[in-house]
Amino acid sequence: MKFCERLKMIRQESNMTQKDVYTQLNISQNGYASYEQGRTEPNINTLIKLCKIFDVSSDYLLGLEE
């Protein structure tokens, strides 16, 4: 599973909207949407924040472990 697909799946399983996430990340709506659409990937600092928001490991979010 690609990063973008996993990110969207985790967000939906957490019953969060894109707005919930991009607000916590303090980034634009388009910036976050581009992660879920696979157009861009977050930098390391944003990746760490995503892991904290969803309470998952970076290995899981990146698809290195199930």
Protein backbone atom coordinates (compact mmCIF):
# COMPACT_ATOMS: atom_id res chain seq x y z
CA MET A 1 0.00 0.00 0.00
CA LYS A 2 1.32 3.44 -0.93
CA PHE A 3 1.96 6.13 1.68
CA CYS A 4 -0.89 8.28 0.35
CA GLU A 5 -3.37 5.39 0.55
CA ARG A 6 -2.31 4.45 4.06
CA LEU A 7 -2.51 8.05 5.25
CA LYS A 8 -6.06 8.42 3.95
CA MET A 9 -7.08 5.06 5.42
CA ILE A 10 -5.68 5.91 8.86
CA ARG A 11 -7.38 9.31 8.83
CA GLN A 12 -10.73 7.78 7.93
CA GLU A 13 -10.36 5.03 10.54
CA SER A 14 -9.66 7.77 13.10
CA ASN A 15 -12.92 9.49 12.10
CA MET A 16 -11.03 12.66 11.28
CA THR A 17 -11.58 15.06 8.41
CA GLN A 18 -8.77 16.47 6.32
CA LYS A 19 -9.44 19.78 8.06
CA ASP A 20 -8.88 18.17 11.47
CA VAL A 21 -5.46 16.97 10.33
CA TYR A 22 -4.19 19.97 8.39
CA THR A 23 -5.25 22.25 11.25
CA GLN A 24 -3.19 20.20 13.72
CA LEU A 25 -0.25 20.19 11.30
CA ASN A 26 -0.61 23.95 10.76
CA ILE A 27 -0.41 23.56 6.98
CA SER A 28 -2.75 24.51 4.14
CA GLN A 29 -5.67 22.41 2.97
CA ASN A 30 -3.99 21.93 -0.41
CA GLY A 31 -0.74 20.93 1.28
CA TYR A 32 -2.40 18.13 3.20
CA ALA A 33 -4.60 17.06 0.29
CA SER A 34 -1.49 16.66 -1.85
CA TYR A 35 -0.19 14.06 0.64
CA GLU A 36 -3.37 11.99 0.32
CA GLN A 37 -3.38 12.36 -3.46
CA GLY A 38 0.22 11.22 -3.73
CA ARG A 39 1.45 14.42 -5.37
CA THR A 40 3.89 15.23 -2.55
CA GLU A 41 5.19 13.60 0.61
CA PRO A 42 5.71 15.24 3.98
CA ASN A 43 9.10 16.24 5.32
CA ILE A 44 10.47 14.42 8.36
CA ASN A 45 9.04 16.91 10.87
CA THR A 46 5.56 16.62 9.41
CA LEU A 47 5.88 12.84 9.28
CA ILE A 48 6.64 12.81 13.01
CA LYS A 49 3.58 14.98 13.69
CA LEU A 50 1.39 12.65 11.61
CA CYS A 51 2.63 9.67 13.62
CA LYS A 52 1.72 11.47 16.85
CA ILE A 53 -1.70 12.56 15.57
CA PHE A 54 -2.63 9.01 14.54
CA ASP A 55 -0.62 7.22 17.25
CA VAL A 56 1.20 5.00 14.77
CA SER A 57 4.85 4.29 14.08
CA SER A 58 6.62 5.83 11.13
CA ASP A 59 7.34 2.31 9.85
CA TYR A 60 3.60 1.60 9.75
CA LEU A 61 2.73 4.93 8.13
CA LEU A 62 5.43 4.46 5.50
CA GLY A 63 4.28 0.91 4.77
CA LEU A 64 7.39 -0.80 6.11
CA GLU A 65 5.34 -2.89 8.55
CA GLU A 66 1.74 -3.98 8.75
